[in-house]
Amino acid sequence: MELAGSGAPDPERARDSASFVAAMQDLKDWSGLTYRELTSRAETVGDVLPRSTVANMLARTTLPREELVAAFVRACGVGPGETEAWLRVRKELTRRERPEPADGVEGASRSEPQERAEPEPSPRGPRRRLVAAAVAVLVVGVAAAAAVVLAKGDADDGAQPRAVTGPAPGPVQIRLVHSGLCLAEQGGRSGQLYQQPCSERSNPEFSLKRLGADWRLETLHATFGWGCTGVQEKSTEIGAPVEDQECGKRGTAEAFRLEPVGTPLRGFRLRPLHSDLCAGVEKATEREGEDIRQLACTDDAGGQLFSFDRRSAGGAGQ
C-alpha cells in the first residue's frame, strides 16, 4: 500500500509495532538508500541518525522514538505531510498498545492538575513553590539524612543488606528496594526503563536535579545524549510506561515528588506530578528485565519503593 501521490509505502497499513517497523523497512527499500546515505542526508538538514541506530531500529519489533522516526522518514525522501502521517500512526499505535487501566481503579483518567506549575524545559532555573514547598523540602532533607535503615537487598544469601539512601542533587543509581535492581534501559536502544542489575556502566546515567520541593531525573545516554525521565506522552493512565526522552516536552510528566515511606524509613515513592500515581514494577516481581510503569499507589508500596544511591560524578550531573 502506498501514500497517495508519492509512491512511498503507507504507514496506515501498520496494525502493531512490528508491522510499523516493517513499513519503515519498506520505506528504506523504496528510497534505495544505504545506511551511510541515510545518515548523510539526515545530517544535511540537522538531524542525527547514526547508521547503527538505523540498523537497530529496523532489526527490532518495538516502536522507535518519535524523533528517530521523523529523522528516518525525512532522510528517506518523503515530504512534510507524509512525515506527519508516520508520526501520527506511531502515536496511535503507542496509545493502542498501552495496557488498559484496571477496572474500578480511580484516577486512571484524571486530567492534569492545573494548580501545579510546570518545570522549565531547561535543567537550569527551576520554579519554586510557596510555603508548603519549603516544608516539603525540609521533610525530604531530614528523611534523606536519616536514611540509614536497612532495606531488603542481598540478606537472603547472608550478605550485608543495603541501606536506603535519600535523594540529593547529583549523580545517582536509582535502585528498587524490593529487588535490589536498578533503573536502566535494555540494550540502550529504547527509552523504556526496566529493572536491571546495578552497574557503573548502566545506560543511561542518572542525576537528580531539584525543582523546588520536587525533582527531575536527568539522564545521560551513551547514544542520544542528555534527556529526562518521564511518563510516556504525559499519560495519566495506570500502566503507562516510564521512559527517557528529550527534556521539556512532557511538562509535569517529567517531574517527580519523592515521598518517604515508613517509620523507620523503608524507601521513597517516585510520584509523577501530573498524575500523582506511583512508578514501580507490577506485582513487585524481582525478575530482571521487568519494565517500569506508572501504577496505582498501594498501601504496602510493594514494588514501588526506591533508593537513590550515590555514584561518582563522571557523566550525568556534570
C-alpha atoms as a PDB file:
ATOM      1  CA  MET A   1       0.000   0.000   0.000  1.00  0.00           C
ATOM      2  CA  GLU A   2       1.374   3.439  -0.981  1.00  0.00           C
ATOM      3  CA  LEU A   3       0.849   7.039   0.086  1.00  0.00           C
ATOM      4  CA  ALA A   4      -1.306   8.802  -2.488  1.00  0.00           C
ATOM      5  CA  GLY A   5       0.717  10.799  -4.973  1.00  0.00           C
ATOM      6  CA  SER A   6       4.188   9.779  -3.803  1.00  0.00           C
ATOM      7  CA  GLY A   7       4.566   6.075  -4.387  1.00  0.00           C
ATOM      8  CA  ALA A   8       6.110   5.721  -0.919  1.00  0.00           C
ATOM      9  CA  PRO A   9       4.930   2.939   1.436  1.00  0.00           C
ATOM     10  CA  ASP A  10       1.933   3.965   3.546  1.00  0.00           C
ATOM     11  CA  PRO A  11       2.281   3.685   7.370  1.00  0.00           C
ATOM     12  CA  GLU A  12      -1.511   3.382   7.691  1.00  0.00           C
ATOM     13  CA  ARG A  13      -1.213  -0.343   6.983  1.00  0.00           C
ATOM     14  CA  ALA A  14       0.590  -0.867  10.296  1.00  0.00           C
ATOM     15  CA  ARG A  15      -1.563  -2.556  12.939  1.00  0.00           C
ATOM     16  CA  ASP A  16       1.100  -3.042  15.612  1.00  0.00           C
ATOM     17  CA  SER A  17       4.698  -2.159  16.432  1.00  0.00           C
ATOM     18  CA  ALA A  18       6.193  -4.971  14.381  1.00  0.00           C
ATOM     19  CA  SER A  19       4.268  -4.055  11.224  1.00  0.00           C
ATOM     20  CA  PHE A  20       5.162  -0.378  11.701  1.00  0.00           C
ATOM     21  CA  VAL A  21       8.868  -1.285  11.753  1.00  0.00           C
ATOM     22  CA  ALA A  22       8.292  -3.493   8.700  1.00  0.00           C
ATOM     23  CA  ALA A  23       6.752  -0.487   6.932  1.00  0.00           C
ATOM     24  CA  MET A  24       9.869   1.523   7.825  1.00  0.00           C
ATOM     25  CA  GLN A  25      11.992  -1.186   6.206  1.00  0.00           C
ATOM     26  CA  ASP A  26       9.789  -0.973   3.106  1.00  0.00           C
ATOM     27  CA  LEU A  27      10.320   2.789   3.091  1.00  0.00           C
ATOM     28  CA  LYS A  28      14.092   2.326   3.180  1.00  0.00           C
ATOM     29  CA  ASP A  29      13.877  -0.182   0.327  1.00  0.00           C
ATOM     30  CA  TRP A  30      11.686   2.272  -1.615  1.00  0.00           C
ATOM     31  CA  SER A  31      14.241   5.056  -1.100  1.00  0.00           C
ATOM     32  CA  GLY A  32      17.064   2.896  -2.454  1.00  0.00           C
ATOM     33  CA  LEU A  33      19.455   4.480   0.065  1.00  0.00           C
ATOM     34  CA  THR A  34      22.136   2.757   2.120  1.00  0.00           C
ATOM     35  CA  TYR A  35      22.570   3.282   5.859  1.00  0.00           C
ATOM     36  CA  ARG A  36      25.515   5.569   5.152  1.00  0.00           C
ATOM     37  CA  GLU A  37      23.467   7.627   2.678  1.00  0.00           C
ATOM     38  CA  LEU A  38      20.568   7.937   5.120  1.00  0.00           C
ATOM     39  CA  THR A  39      22.957   9.216   7.797  1.00  0.00           C
ATOM     40  CA  SER A  40      24.465  11.737   5.369  1.00  0.00           C
ATOM     41  CA  ARG A  41      21.066  13.029   4.218  1.00  0.00           C
ATOM     42  CA  ALA A  42      19.905  13.418   7.819  1.00  0.00           C
ATOM     43  CA  GLU A  43      22.995  15.472   8.672  1.00  0.00           C
ATOM     44  CA  THR A  44      22.328  17.900   5.815  1.00  0.00           C
ATOM     45  CA  VAL A  45      19.053  19.012   7.462  1.00  0.00           C
ATOM     46  CA  GLY A  46      20.388  18.987  11.025  1.00  0.00           C
ATOM     47  CA  ASP A  47      19.043  15.584  12.088  1.00  0.00           C
ATOM     48  CA  VAL A  48      21.096  12.983  13.964  1.00  0.00           C
ATOM     49  CA  LEU A  49      20.673   9.481  12.532  1.00  0.00           C
ATOM     50  CA  PRO A  50      23.728   7.213  13.067  1.00  0.00           C
ATOM     51  CA  ARG A  51      23.988   4.147  10.831  1.00  0.00           C
ATOM     52  CA  SER A  52      23.994   1.835  13.855  1.00  0.00           C
ATOM     53  CA  THR A  53      20.780   3.454  15.103  1.00  0.00           C
ATOM     54  CA  VAL A  54      19.005   2.848  11.790  1.00  0.00           C
ATOM     55  CA  ALA A  55      20.123  -0.779  11.777  1.00  0.00           C
ATOM     56  CA  ASN A  56      18.915  -1.255  15.362  1.00  0.00           C
ATOM     57  CA  MET A  57      15.526   0.351  14.634  1.00  0.00           C
ATOM     58  CA  LEU A  58      14.853  -1.910  11.672  1.00  0.00           C
ATOM     59  CA  ALA A  59      16.026  -5.041  13.489  1.00  0.00           C
ATOM     60  CA  ARG A  60      13.623  -4.775  16.408  1.00  0.00           C
ATOM     61  CA  THR A  61       9.851  -5.081  16.807  1.00  0.00           C
ATOM     62  CA  THR A  62       9.182  -2.183  19.183  1.00  0.00           C
ATOM     63  CA  LEU A  63       8.325   1.377  18.234  1.00  0.00           C
ATOM     64  CA  PRO A  64      11.335   3.678  17.763  1.00  0.00           C
ATOM     65  CA  ARG A  65      11.422   7.079  19.383  1.00  0.00           C
ATOM     66  CA  GLU A  66       9.412   9.815  17.723  1.00  0.00           C
ATOM     67  CA  GLU A  67      12.435  11.949  16.820  1.00  0.00           C
ATOM     68  CA  LEU A  68      14.161   8.960  15.203  1.00  0.00           C
ATOM     69  CA  VAL A  69      11.109   8.102  13.115  1.00  0.00           C
ATOM     70  CA  ALA A  70      10.916  11.718  11.929  1.00  0.00           C
ATOM     71  CA  ALA A  71      14.617  11.851  11.026  1.00  0.00           C
ATOM     72  CA  PHE A  72      14.466   8.478   9.255  1.00  0.00           C
ATOM     73  CA  VAL A  73      11.366   9.322   7.218  1.00  0.00           C
ATOM     74  CA  ARG A  74      12.769  12.698   6.183  1.00  0.00           C
ATOM     75  CA  ALA A  75      16.060  11.086   5.154  1.00  0.00           C
ATOM     76  CA  CYS A  76      14.160   8.573   3.011  1.00  0.00           C
ATOM     77  CA  GLY A  77      12.840  11.496   0.956  1.00  0.00           C
ATOM     78  CA  VAL A  78       9.145  11.880   1.785  1.00  0.00           C
ATOM     79  CA  GLY A  79       7.507  15.287   2.187  1.00  0.00           C
ATOM     80  CA  PRO A  80       6.392  17.090   5.385  1.00  0.00           C
ATOM     81  CA  GLY A  81       2.792  15.908   5.099  1.00  0.00           C
ATOM     82  CA  GLU A  82       3.880  12.288   4.754  1.00  0.00           C
ATOM     83  CA  THR A  83       6.256  12.682   7.693  1.00  0.00           C
ATOM     84  CA  GLU A  84       3.314  13.836   9.818  1.00  0.00           C
ATOM     85  CA  ALA A  85       1.379  10.741   8.733  1.00  0.00           C
ATOM     86  CA  TRP A  86       4.169   8.475  10.002  1.00  0.00           C
ATOM     87  CA  LEU A  87       4.323  10.302  13.338  1.00  0.00           C
ATOM     88  CA  ARG A  88       0.543  10.218  13.726  1.00  0.00           C
ATOM     89  CA  VAL A  89       0.396   6.454  13.125  1.00  0.00           C
ATOM     90  CA  ARG A  90       3.248   5.922  15.587  1.00  0.00           C
ATOM     91  CA  LYS A  91       1.363   7.889  18.241  1.00  0.00           C
ATOM     92  CA  GLU A  92      -1.859   5.962  17.599  1.00  0.00           C
ATOM     93  CA  LEU A  93      -0.016   2.645  17.953  1.00  0.00           C
ATOM     94  CA  THR A  94       1.608   3.820  21.182  1.00  0.00           C
ATOM     95  CA  ARG A  95      -1.804   4.550  22.664  1.00  0.00           C
ATOM     96  CA  ARG A  96      -3.418   1.399  21.297  1.00  0.00           C
ATOM     97  CA  GLU A  97      -0.760  -0.951  22.666  1.00  0.00           C
ATOM     98  CA  ARG A  98      -0.729   0.608  26.117  1.00  0.00           C
ATOM     99  CA  PRO A  99      -2.285  -1.629  28.832  1.00  0.00           C
ATOM    100  CA  GLU A 100      -5.863  -0.760  29.770  1.00  0.00           C
ATOM    101  CA  PRO A 101      -6.471   0.648  33.294  1.00  0.00           C
ATOM    102  CA  ALA A 102      -7.707  -1.879  35.831  1.00  0.00           C
ATOM    103  CA  ASP A 103     -11.491  -1.881  36.341  1.00  0.00           C
ATOM    104  CA  GLY A 104     -12.640   0.198  39.270  1.00  0.00           C
ATOM    105  CA  VAL A 105      -9.310   1.968  39.786  1.00  0.00           C
ATOM    106  CA  GLU A 106      -9.943   5.611  40.487  1.00  0.00           C
ATOM    107  CA  GLY A 107      -7.738   8.283  38.954  1.00  0.00           C
ATOM    108  CA  ALA A 108      -6.843   6.322  35.822  1.00  0.00           C
ATOM    109  CA  SER A 109      -8.102   9.127  33.597  1.00  0.00           C
ATOM    110  CA  ARG A 110      -7.616  12.162  35.800  1.00  0.00           C
ATOM    111  CA  SER A 111      -6.802  15.352  33.970  1.00  0.00           C
ATOM    112  CA  GLU A 112      -3.519  17.071  34.641  1.00  0.00           C
ATOM    113  CA  PRO A 113      -3.792  19.179  37.847  1.00  0.00           C
ATOM    114  CA  GLN A 114      -3.922  22.869  36.935  1.00  0.00           C
ATOM    115  CA  GLU A 115      -2.533  24.146  40.196  1.00  0.00           C
ATOM    116  CA  ARG A 116       0.907  22.605  39.685  1.00  0.00           C
ATOM    117  CA  ALA A 117       3.489  24.717  37.910  1.00  0.00           C
ATOM    118  CA  GLU A 118       5.291  23.022  35.041  1.00  0.00           C
ATOM    119  CA  PRO A 119       9.093  22.827  35.333  1.00  0.00           C
ATOM    120  CA  GLU A 120      11.195  24.868  32.937  1.00  0.00           C
ATOM    121  CA  PRO A 121      12.398  22.945  29.825  1.00  0.00           C
ATOM    122  CA  SER A 122      15.994  23.744  30.801  1.00  0.00           C
ATOM    123  CA  PRO A 123      17.613  21.894  33.714  1.00  0.00           C
ATOM    124  CA  ARG A 124      18.644  25.362  34.987  1.00  0.00           C
ATOM    125  CA  GLY A 125      16.434  27.815  36.833  1.00  0.00           C
ATOM    126  CA  PRO A 126      13.628  25.685  38.405  1.00  0.00           C
ATOM    127  CA  ARG A 127      10.492  27.368  39.703  1.00  0.00           C
ATOM    128  CA  ARG A 128       9.839  27.440  43.429  1.00  0.00           C
ATOM    129  CA  ARG A 129       6.573  26.747  45.172  1.00  0.00           C
ATOM    130  CA  LEU A 130       5.024  28.577  48.127  1.00  0.00           C
ATOM    131  CA  VAL A 131       5.206  27.857  51.876  1.00  0.00           C
ATOM    132  CA  ALA A 132       4.205  24.182  51.525  1.00  0.00           C
ATOM    133  CA  ALA A 133       7.145  23.649  49.182  1.00  0.00           C
ATOM    134  CA  ALA A 134       9.660  24.824  51.769  1.00  0.00           C
ATOM    135  CA  VAL A 135       8.161  22.477  54.351  1.00  0.00           C
ATOM    136  CA  ALA A 136       8.323  19.551  51.922  1.00  0.00           C
ATOM    137  CA  VAL A 137      11.995  20.259  51.184  1.00  0.00           C
ATOM    138  CA  LEU A 138      12.790  20.124  54.909  1.00  0.00           C
ATOM    139  CA  VAL A 139      10.880  16.850  55.324  1.00  0.00           C
ATOM    140  CA  VAL A 140      12.700  15.184  52.416  1.00  0.00           C
ATOM    141  CA  GLY A 141      16.054  16.547  53.581  1.00  0.00           C
ATOM    142  CA  VAL A 142      15.620  15.206  57.110  1.00  0.00           C
ATOM    143  CA  ALA A 143      14.481  11.841  55.761  1.00  0.00           C
ATOM    144  CA  ALA A 144      17.496  11.670  53.462  1.00  0.00           C
ATOM    145  CA  ALA A 145      19.925  12.493  56.265  1.00  0.00           C
ATOM    146  CA  ALA A 146      18.396   9.811  58.458  1.00  0.00           C
ATOM    147  CA  ALA A 147      18.241   7.149  55.753  1.00  0.00           C
ATOM    148  CA  VAL A 148      20.339   4.502  57.430  1.00  0.00           C
ATOM    149  CA  VAL A 149      17.609   1.900  57.779  1.00  0.00           C
ATOM    150  CA  LEU A 150      18.468  -1.446  56.257  1.00  0.00           C
ATOM    151  CA  ALA A 151      16.357  -2.455  53.255  1.00  0.00           C
ATOM    152  CA  LYS A 152      15.853  -5.787  51.552  1.00  0.00           C
ATOM    153  CA  GLY A 153      18.837  -6.480  49.344  1.00  0.00           C
ATOM    154  CA  ASP A 154      21.175  -9.441  49.489  1.00  0.00           C
ATOM    155  CA  ALA A 155      20.181 -10.501  53.002  1.00  0.00           C
ATOM    156  CA  ASP A 156      18.754 -13.819  51.807  1.00  0.00           C
ATOM    157  CA  ASP A 157      22.201 -15.127  50.855  1.00  0.00           C
ATOM    158  CA  GLY A 158      23.887 -13.909  54.035  1.00  0.00           C
ATOM    159  CA  ALA A 159      25.412 -10.747  52.558  1.00  0.00           C
ATOM    160  CA  GLN A 160      25.152  -7.385  54.306  1.00  0.00           C
ATOM    161  CA  PRO A 161      21.768  -5.751  53.467  1.00  0.00           C
ATOM    162  CA  ARG A 162      21.902  -2.449  51.614  1.00  0.00           C
ATOM    163  CA  ALA A 163      20.792   0.801  53.213  1.00  0.00           C
ATOM    164  CA  VAL A 164      18.147   3.083  51.765  1.00  0.00           C
ATOM    165  CA  THR A 165      19.631   6.379  50.596  1.00  0.00           C
ATOM    166  CA  GLY A 166      17.536   9.521  50.284  1.00  0.00           C
ATOM    167  CA  PRO A 167      17.538  11.912  47.327  1.00  0.00           C
ATOM    168  CA  ALA A 168      20.194  14.599  46.977  1.00  0.00           C
ATOM    169  CA  PRO A 169      21.281  16.574  43.901  1.00  0.00           C
ATOM    170  CA  GLY A 170      23.910  14.882  41.754  1.00  0.00           C
ATOM    171  CA  PRO A 171      24.726  11.520  40.127  1.00  0.00           C
ATOM    172  CA  VAL A 172      22.808   8.510  41.469  1.00  0.00           C
ATOM    173  CA  GLN A 173      21.862   4.933  40.768  1.00  0.00           C
ATOM    174  CA  ILE A 174      18.120   4.531  41.273  1.00  0.00           C
ATOM    175  CA  ARG A 175      17.552   1.179  42.976  1.00  0.00           C
ATOM    176  CA  LEU A 176      14.272  -0.648  43.577  1.00  0.00           C
ATOM    177  CA  VAL A 177      14.333  -1.637  47.227  1.00  0.00           C
ATOM    178  CA  HIS A 178      12.277  -4.834  46.846  1.00  0.00           C
ATOM    179  CA  SER A 179      14.514  -6.398  44.177  1.00  0.00           C
ATOM    180  CA  GLY A 180      17.874  -4.682  44.658  1.00  0.00           C
ATOM    181  CA  LEU A 181      17.905  -3.996  40.886  1.00  0.00           C
ATOM    182  CA  CYS A 182      18.437  -0.563  39.292  1.00  0.00           C
ATOM    183  CA  LEU A 183      16.736   1.537  36.634  1.00  0.00           C
ATOM    184  CA  ALA A 184      18.304   1.188  33.175  1.00  0.00           C
ATOM    185  CA  GLU A 185      17.361   0.791  29.544  1.00  0.00           C
ATOM    186  CA  GLN A 186      17.568  -2.610  27.885  1.00  0.00           C
ATOM    187  CA  GLY A 187      20.390  -2.734  25.393  1.00  0.00           C
ATOM    188  CA  GLY A 188      20.418   1.053  25.131  1.00  0.00           C
ATOM    189  CA  ARG A 189      18.077   1.049  22.102  1.00  0.00           C
ATOM    190  CA  SER A 190      14.814   2.264  23.623  1.00  0.00           C
ATOM    191  CA  GLY A 191      13.707   4.926  26.070  1.00  0.00           C
ATOM    192  CA  GLN A 192      11.710   2.397  28.128  1.00  0.00           C
ATOM    193  CA  LEU A 193      13.130   1.789  31.614  1.00  0.00           C
ATOM    194  CA  TYR A 194      13.467  -1.640  33.224  1.00  0.00           C
ATOM    195  CA  GLN A 195      14.854  -3.072  36.451  1.00  0.00           C
ATOM    196  CA  GLN A 196      18.317  -4.358  35.602  1.00  0.00           C
ATOM    197  CA  PRO A 197      21.390  -5.445  37.595  1.00  0.00           C
ATOM    198  CA  CYS A 198      23.091  -2.379  39.074  1.00  0.00           C
ATOM    199  CA  SER A 199      26.285  -1.412  37.273  1.00  0.00           C
ATOM    200  CA  GLU A 200      28.500   1.646  36.884  1.00  0.00           C
ATOM    201  CA  ARG A 201      28.195   1.035  33.138  1.00  0.00           C
ATOM    202  CA  SER A 202      24.375   1.145  33.090  1.00  0.00           C
ATOM    203  CA  ASN A 203      22.815   3.173  30.281  1.00  0.00           C
ATOM    204  CA  PRO A 204      21.674   5.866  30.835  1.00  0.00           C
ATOM    205  CA  GLU A 205      23.400   7.516  33.790  1.00  0.00           C
ATOM    206  CA  PHE A 206      21.022   9.317  36.166  1.00  0.00           C
ATOM    207  CA  SER A 207      21.366  12.594  38.020  1.00  0.00           C
ATOM    208  CA  LEU A 208      18.883  14.255  40.374  1.00  0.00           C
ATOM    209  CA  LYS A 209      18.009  17.941  39.933  1.00  0.00           C
ATOM    210  CA  ARG A 210      15.839  19.971  42.287  1.00  0.00           C
ATOM    211  CA  LEU A 211      12.613  21.576  41.075  1.00  0.00           C
ATOM    212  CA  GLY A 212      11.689  23.487  44.211  1.00  0.00           C
ATOM    213  CA  ALA A 213      10.259  20.811  46.510  1.00  0.00           C
ATOM    214  CA  ASP A 214      10.251  18.263  43.697  1.00  0.00           C
ATOM    215  CA  TRP A 215      12.802  16.570  41.464  1.00  0.00           C
ATOM    216  CA  ARG A 216      13.782  15.954  37.867  1.00  0.00           C
ATOM    217  CA  LEU A 217      15.554  12.715  36.853  1.00  0.00           C
ATOM    218  CA  GLU A 218      18.057  13.816  34.229  1.00  0.00           C
ATOM    219  CA  THR A 219      19.788  11.203  32.083  1.00  0.00           C
ATOM    220  CA  LEU A 220      22.927  10.961  30.015  1.00  0.00           C
ATOM    221  CA  HIS A 221      22.505   8.338  27.286  1.00  0.00           C
ATOM    222  CA  ALA A 222      25.534   6.908  25.504  1.00  0.00           C
ATOM    223  CA  THR A 223      23.850   7.367  22.098  1.00  0.00           C
ATOM    224  CA  PHE A 224      21.218  10.077  22.492  1.00  0.00           C
ATOM    225  CA  GLY A 225      22.930  12.387  24.992  1.00  0.00           C
ATOM    226  CA  TRP A 226      21.030  14.399  27.593  1.00  0.00           C
ATOM    227  CA  GLY A 227      17.398  13.664  28.394  1.00  0.00           C
ATOM    228  CA  CYS A 228      14.865  13.342  31.194  1.00  0.00           C
ATOM    229  CA  THR A 229      12.845  10.500  32.704  1.00  0.00           C
ATOM    230  CA  GLY A 230       9.068  10.876  32.477  1.00  0.00           C
ATOM    231  CA  VAL A 231       5.749   9.209  31.705  1.00  0.00           C
ATOM    232  CA  GLN A 232       5.160   8.439  28.046  1.00  0.00           C
ATOM    233  CA  GLU A 233       3.198  11.195  26.272  1.00  0.00           C
ATOM    234  CA  LYS A 234       2.026  12.739  29.584  1.00  0.00           C
ATOM    235  CA  SER A 235      -0.366   9.821  30.108  1.00  0.00           C
ATOM    236  CA  THR A 236      -2.401   9.733  33.320  1.00  0.00           C
ATOM    237  CA  GLU A 237      -3.370   6.103  32.710  1.00  0.00           C
ATOM    238  CA  ILE A 238      -2.355   3.284  35.010  1.00  0.00           C
ATOM    239  CA  GLY A 239       0.173   1.118  33.184  1.00  0.00           C
ATOM    240  CA  ALA A 240       1.717   3.912  31.114  1.00  0.00           C
ATOM    241  CA  PRO A 241       5.455   3.309  30.511  1.00  0.00           C
ATOM    242  CA  VAL A 242       8.135   5.297  32.313  1.00  0.00           C
ATOM    243  CA  GLU A 243      10.818   6.206  29.785  1.00  0.00           C
ATOM    244  CA  ASP A 244      13.714   8.504  28.918  1.00  0.00           C
ATOM    245  CA  GLN A 245      13.208  11.129  26.232  1.00  0.00           C
ATOM    246  CA  GLU A 246      14.367  14.660  25.478  1.00  0.00           C
ATOM    247  CA  CYS A 247      13.661  17.203  28.229  1.00  0.00           C
ATOM    248  CA  GLY A 248      10.940  19.826  28.103  1.00  0.00           C
ATOM    249  CA  LYS A 249       8.149  18.192  26.088  1.00  0.00           C
ATOM    250  CA  ARG A 250       6.159  16.495  28.850  1.00  0.00           C
ATOM    251  CA  GLY A 251       5.793  19.260  31.453  1.00  0.00           C
ATOM    252  CA  THR A 252       4.973  17.885  34.905  1.00  0.00           C
ATOM    253  CA  ALA A 253       5.005  14.336  33.480  1.00  0.00           C
ATOM    254  CA  GLU A 254       8.819  14.531  33.757  1.00  0.00           C
ATOM    255  CA  ALA A 255       8.897  15.904  37.317  1.00  0.00           C
ATOM    256  CA  PHE A 256       8.509  13.771  40.444  1.00  0.00           C
ATOM    257  CA  ARG A 257       7.603  14.010  44.097  1.00  0.00           C
ATOM    258  CA  LEU A 258       9.852  11.731  46.162  1.00  0.00           C
ATOM    259  CA  GLU A 259       7.771  10.574  49.098  1.00  0.00           C
ATOM    260  CA  PRO A 260       9.413   8.889  52.121  1.00  0.00           C
ATOM    261  CA  VAL A 261       7.567   5.757  53.277  1.00  0.00           C
ATOM    262  CA  GLY A 262       7.689   4.037  56.656  1.00  0.00           C
ATOM    263  CA  THR A 263       8.923   4.693  60.168  1.00  0.00           C
ATOM    264  CA  PRO A 264      11.678   3.651  60.232  1.00  0.00           C
ATOM    265  CA  LEU A 265      12.266   4.619  56.602  1.00  0.00           C
ATOM    266  CA  ARG A 266      11.693   1.820  54.042  1.00  0.00           C
ATOM    267  CA  GLY A 267      12.239   3.766  50.831  1.00  0.00           C
ATOM    268  CA  PHE A 268      10.814   6.520  48.634  1.00  0.00           C
ATOM    269  CA  ARG A 269       7.821   6.516  46.314  1.00  0.00           C
ATOM    270  CA  LEU A 270       8.504   8.070  42.895  1.00  0.00           C
ATOM    271  CA  ARG A 271       5.323  10.018  42.047  1.00  0.00           C
ATOM    272  CA  PRO A 272       4.909  11.825  38.690  1.00  0.00           C
ATOM    273  CA  LEU A 273       3.487  15.283  39.396  1.00  0.00           C
ATOM    274  CA  HIS A 274       0.964  15.250  36.548  1.00  0.00           C
ATOM    275  CA  SER A 275      -0.831  12.113  37.774  1.00  0.00           C
ATOM    276  CA  ASP A 276       0.274  11.653  41.422  1.00  0.00           C
ATOM    277  CA  LEU A 277       0.375   7.892  40.761  1.00  0.00           C
ATOM    278  CA  CYS A 278       3.452   5.782  41.603  1.00  0.00           C
ATOM    279  CA  ALA A 279       6.251   4.476  39.408  1.00  0.00           C
ATOM    280  CA  GLY A 280       7.209   0.864  40.005  1.00  0.00           C
ATOM    281  CA  VAL A 281       7.170  -2.775  38.944  1.00  0.00           C
ATOM    282  CA  GLU A 282       3.849  -4.599  38.702  1.00  0.00           C
ATOM    283  CA  LYS A 283       3.206  -7.286  41.342  1.00  0.00           C
ATOM    284  CA  ALA A 284       6.575  -6.427  42.949  1.00  0.00           C
ATOM    285  CA  THR A 285       8.300  -9.003  40.775  1.00  0.00           C
ATOM    286  CA  GLU A 286      12.032  -9.414  41.316  1.00  0.00           C
ATOM    287  CA  ARG A 287      12.751 -10.664  37.790  1.00  0.00           C
ATOM    288  CA  GLU A 288      15.397  -8.849  35.797  1.00  0.00           C
ATOM    289  CA  GLY A 289      14.103  -7.017  32.735  1.00  0.00           C
ATOM    290  CA  GLU A 290      10.663  -6.125  34.142  1.00  0.00           C
ATOM    291  CA  ASP A 291       9.576  -2.721  32.850  1.00  0.00           C
ATOM    292  CA  ILE A 292       8.864   0.336  34.989  1.00  0.00           C
ATOM    293  CA  ARG A 293       5.326   1.685  34.721  1.00  0.00           C
ATOM    294  CA  GLN A 294       3.023   4.244  36.268  1.00  0.00           C
ATOM    295  CA  LEU A 295       0.884   2.304  38.759  1.00  0.00           C
ATOM    296  CA  ALA A 296      -1.815   2.899  41.337  1.00  0.00           C
ATOM    297  CA  CYS A 297      -0.100   3.562  44.671  1.00  0.00           C
ATOM    298  CA  THR A 298      -0.631   0.739  47.142  1.00  0.00           C
ATOM    299  CA  ASP A 299      -0.688   0.811  50.955  1.00  0.00           C
ATOM    300  CA  ASP A 300       2.250  -1.587  51.224  1.00  0.00           C
ATOM    301  CA  ALA A 301       4.129   0.157  48.361  1.00  0.00           C
ATOM    302  CA  GLY A 302       5.160  -3.262  47.022  1.00  0.00           C
ATOM    303  CA  GLY A 303       7.483  -2.819  44.037  1.00  0.00           C
ATOM    304  CA  GLN A 304       7.163   0.970  44.381  1.00  0.00           C
ATOM    305  CA  LEU A 305       9.992   1.926  46.749  1.00  0.00           C
ATOM    306  CA  PHE A 306      13.306   3.353  45.567  1.00  0.00           C
ATOM    307  CA  SER A 307      16.717   4.197  46.983  1.00  0.00           C
ATOM    308  CA  PHE A 308      18.894   6.898  45.409  1.00  0.00           C
ATOM    309  CA  ASP A 309      22.394   5.508  45.820  1.00  0.00           C
ATOM    310  CA  ARG A 310      25.250   7.927  45.308  1.00  0.00           C
ATOM    311  CA  ARG A 311      27.570   7.338  42.382  1.00  0.00           C
ATOM    312  CA  SER A 312      30.802   9.012  41.363  1.00  0.00           C
ATOM    313  CA  ALA A 313      30.446  12.110  39.203  1.00  0.00           C
ATOM    314  CA  GLY A 314      31.617  11.256  35.704  1.00  0.00           C
ATOM    315  CA  GLY A 315      28.633  11.620  33.416  1.00  0.00           C
ATOM    316  CA  ALA A 316      25.181  12.663  34.441  1.00  0.00           C
ATOM    317  CA  GLY A 317      25.234  15.536  36.842  1.00  0.00           C
ATOM    318  CA  GLN A 318      28.422  17.114  35.455  1.00  0.00           C
END
